[in-house]
């Protein structure tokens, strides 16, 4: 059983195709969304947690590597 609803899967797949994500990135987003939902105390992965995960992922990957080194 998938942790996502059918609608969430379709939406996430569309974003994945548009942004040319690898399968690894796709799974990473789902895991991050699960963590966000847990932190919010929600049992199911919500649309909001998915979009927060996407936003967080693109924020980190959009930076240059040199800016991540302290």
N, C-alpha and C. Protein backbone atom coordinates (compact mmCIF):
# COMPACT_ATOMS: atom_id res chain seq x y z
N UNK A 1 0.84 -1.19 0.00
CA UNK A 1 0.00 0.00 0.00
C UNK A 1 0.88 1.25 0.00
N UNK A 2 0.54 2.21 -0.83
CA UNK A 2 1.30 3.43 -0.95
C UNK A 2 0.93 4.42 0.17
N UNK A 3 1.91 5.18 0.64
CA UNK A 3 1.59 6.19 1.66
C UNK A 3 0.87 7.40 1.08
N UNK A 4 0.76 7.45 -0.26
CA UNK A 4 0.12 8.57 -0.92
C UNK A 4 -1.21 8.15 -1.52
N UNK A 5 -2.12 9.11 -1.63
CA UNK A 5 -3.38 8.85 -2.33
C UNK A 5 -3.09 8.83 -3.84
N UNK A 6 -4.04 8.33 -4.60
CA UNK A 6 -3.86 8.30 -6.06
C UNK A 6 -3.66 9.69 -6.63
N UNK A 7 -4.42 10.65 -6.12
CA UNK A 7 -4.29 12.05 -6.59
C UNK A 7 -2.91 12.62 -6.25
N UNK A 8 -2.44 12.34 -5.04
CA UNK A 8 -1.11 12.81 -4.65
C UNK A 8 -0.03 12.18 -5.52
N UNK A 9 -0.17 10.89 -5.83
CA UNK A 9 0.79 10.22 -6.70
C UNK A 9 0.82 10.86 -8.08
N UNK A 10 -0.36 11.12 -8.64
CA UNK A 10 -0.43 11.74 -9.97
C UNK A 10 0.21 13.12 -9.96
N UNK A 11 -0.11 13.92 -8.95
CA UNK A 11 0.46 15.27 -8.86
C UNK A 11 1.97 15.23 -8.72
N UNK A 12 2.45 14.35 -7.85
CA UNK A 12 3.89 14.26 -7.62
C UNK A 12 4.61 13.73 -8.86
N UNK A 13 4.00 12.81 -9.58
CA UNK A 13 4.59 12.31 -10.82
C UNK A 13 4.68 13.41 -11.87
N UNK A 14 3.65 14.25 -11.94
CA UNK A 14 3.67 15.36 -12.90
C UNK A 14 4.81 16.32 -12.58
N UNK A 15 4.96 16.64 -11.30
CA UNK A 15 6.05 17.54 -10.89
C UNK A 15 7.39 16.87 -11.18
N UNK A 16 7.48 15.59 -10.89
CA UNK A 16 8.71 14.83 -11.12
C UNK A 16 9.12 14.86 -12.58
N UNK A 17 8.17 14.68 -13.47
CA UNK A 17 8.46 14.71 -14.90
C UNK A 17 8.88 16.12 -15.34
N UNK A 18 8.14 17.11 -14.85
CA UNK A 18 8.43 18.50 -15.22
C UNK A 18 9.83 18.92 -14.76
N UNK A 19 10.23 18.48 -13.57
CA UNK A 19 11.52 18.88 -13.02
C UNK A 19 12.63 17.87 -13.33
N UNK A 20 12.26 16.80 -14.08
CA UNK A 20 13.22 15.79 -14.50
C UNK A 20 13.95 15.15 -13.31
N UNK A 21 13.18 14.74 -12.29
CA UNK A 21 13.75 14.11 -11.10
C UNK A 21 14.09 12.66 -11.38
N UNK A 22 15.08 12.18 -10.68
CA UNK A 22 15.39 10.75 -10.69
C UNK A 22 14.42 10.05 -9.74
N UNK A 23 14.38 8.74 -9.83
CA UNK A 23 13.54 7.96 -8.92
C UNK A 23 13.98 8.18 -7.47
N UNK A 24 15.27 8.33 -7.29
CA UNK A 24 15.83 8.56 -5.95
C UNK A 24 15.28 9.88 -5.35
N UNK A 25 15.22 10.92 -6.15
CA UNK A 25 14.69 12.20 -5.69
C UNK A 25 13.21 12.08 -5.37
N UNK A 26 12.47 11.36 -6.21
CA UNK A 26 11.04 11.14 -6.00
C UNK A 26 10.80 10.47 -4.64
N UNK A 27 11.55 9.44 -4.34
CA UNK A 27 11.43 8.73 -3.06
C UNK A 27 11.84 9.64 -1.91
N UNK A 28 12.87 10.44 -2.12
CA UNK A 28 13.34 11.38 -1.10
C UNK A 28 12.24 12.37 -0.72
N UNK A 29 11.51 12.85 -1.72
CA UNK A 29 10.41 13.79 -1.47
C UNK A 29 9.33 13.12 -0.62
N UNK A 30 9.00 11.88 -0.95
CA UNK A 30 7.97 11.15 -0.18
C UNK A 30 8.42 10.96 1.27
N UNK A 31 9.68 10.59 1.45
CA UNK A 31 10.20 10.41 2.82
C UNK A 31 10.19 11.72 3.60
N UNK A 32 10.58 12.79 2.94
CA UNK A 32 10.58 14.10 3.58
C UNK A 32 9.16 14.54 3.93
N UNK A 33 8.22 14.28 3.04
CA UNK A 33 6.82 14.62 3.30
C UNK A 33 6.29 13.82 4.48
N UNK A 34 6.69 12.56 4.60
CA UNK A 34 6.29 11.72 5.74
C UNK A 34 6.81 12.31 7.03
N UNK A 35 8.07 12.75 7.02
CA UNK A 35 8.67 13.36 8.20
C UNK A 35 7.96 14.65 8.58
N UNK A 36 7.65 15.46 7.59
CA UNK A 36 6.93 16.72 7.85
C UNK A 36 5.56 16.44 8.45
N UNK A 37 4.85 15.46 7.89
CA UNK A 37 3.53 15.09 8.43
C UNK A 37 3.66 14.61 9.88
N UNK A 38 4.68 13.81 10.16
CA UNK A 38 4.92 13.36 11.52
C UNK A 38 5.16 14.52 12.47
N UNK A 39 5.96 15.48 12.04
CA UNK A 39 6.24 16.65 12.87
C UNK A 39 4.99 17.49 13.13
N UNK A 40 4.06 17.46 12.19
CA UNK A 40 2.80 18.18 12.36
C UNK A 40 1.79 17.35 13.15
N UNK A 41 2.15 16.12 13.48
CA UNK A 41 1.28 15.25 14.25
C UNK A 41 0.12 14.69 13.44
N UNK A 42 0.32 14.59 12.13
CA UNK A 42 -0.72 14.09 11.23
C UNK A 42 -0.40 12.65 10.86
N UNK A 43 -1.41 11.81 10.86
CA UNK A 43 -1.20 10.39 10.58
C UNK A 43 -0.92 10.11 9.10
N UNK A 44 -1.62 10.81 8.21
CA UNK A 44 -1.46 10.61 6.77
C UNK A 44 -0.58 11.72 6.18
N UNK A 45 0.06 11.42 5.06
CA UNK A 45 0.82 12.46 4.35
C UNK A 45 -0.19 13.39 3.70
N UNK A 46 -0.08 14.67 3.99
CA UNK A 46 -1.02 15.66 3.45
C UNK A 46 -0.43 16.31 2.20
N UNK A 47 -1.31 16.94 1.44
CA UNK A 47 -0.85 17.70 0.27
C UNK A 47 0.13 18.78 0.71
N UNK A 48 -0.17 19.42 1.83
CA UNK A 48 0.69 20.48 2.33
C UNK A 48 2.10 19.95 2.65
N UNK A 49 2.18 18.77 3.26
CA UNK A 49 3.50 18.23 3.59
C UNK A 49 4.29 17.86 2.32
N UNK A 50 3.58 17.43 1.28
CA UNK A 50 4.25 17.13 0.01
C UNK A 50 4.83 18.41 -0.59
N UNK A 51 4.03 19.48 -0.62
CA UNK A 51 4.50 20.73 -1.22
C UNK A 51 5.61 21.36 -0.39
N UNK A 52 5.55 21.19 0.94
CA UNK A 52 6.66 21.68 1.78
C UNK A 52 7.94 20.91 1.46
N UNK A 53 7.81 19.59 1.27
CA UNK A 53 8.97 18.76 0.95
C UNK A 53 9.57 19.17 -0.39
N UNK A 54 8.72 19.42 -1.37
CA UNK A 54 9.19 19.85 -2.68
C UNK A 54 9.93 21.18 -2.56
N UNK A 55 9.34 22.10 -1.80
CA UNK A 55 9.94 23.41 -1.61
C UNK A 55 11.30 23.30 -0.92
N UNK A 56 11.37 22.48 0.12
CA UNK A 56 12.63 22.31 0.83
C UNK A 56 13.68 21.65 -0.06
N UNK A 57 13.28 20.66 -0.83
CA UNK A 57 14.23 19.97 -1.70
C UNK A 57 14.76 20.88 -2.79
N UNK A 58 13.90 21.64 -3.42
CA UNK A 58 14.37 22.52 -4.49
C UNK A 58 15.19 23.67 -3.93
N UNK A 59 14.93 24.06 -2.70
CA UNK A 59 15.72 25.12 -2.08
C UNK A 59 17.16 24.71 -1.86
N UNK A 60 17.37 23.47 -1.43
CA UNK A 60 18.72 22.96 -1.17
C UNK A 60 19.41 22.64 -2.47
N UNK A 61 18.74 21.95 -3.39
CA UNK A 61 19.39 21.54 -4.62
C UNK A 61 19.63 22.71 -5.57
N UNK A 62 18.92 23.81 -5.35
CA UNK A 62 19.09 24.97 -6.20
C UNK A 62 20.33 25.78 -5.86
N UNK A 63 20.91 25.53 -4.70
CA UNK A 63 22.11 26.25 -4.29
C UNK A 63 23.36 25.63 -4.90
N UNK A 64 24.36 26.44 -5.01
CA UNK A 64 25.65 25.92 -5.46
C UNK A 64 26.27 25.14 -4.32
N UNK A 65 27.03 24.10 -4.64
CA UNK A 65 27.66 23.27 -3.63
C UNK A 65 28.58 24.08 -2.71
N UNK A 66 29.27 25.04 -3.28
CA UNK A 66 30.23 25.80 -2.47
C UNK A 66 29.52 26.59 -1.37
N UNK A 67 28.26 26.94 -1.55
CA UNK A 67 27.56 27.69 -0.53
C UNK A 67 27.10 26.80 0.63
N UNK A 68 27.15 25.47 0.43
CA UNK A 68 26.75 24.56 1.50
C UNK A 68 27.91 24.23 2.44
N UNK A 69 29.12 24.53 2.03
CA UNK A 69 30.29 24.25 2.86
C UNK A 69 30.51 25.41 3.81
N UNK A 70 30.61 25.08 5.08
CA UNK A 70 30.81 26.14 6.08
C UNK A 70 32.27 26.31 6.41
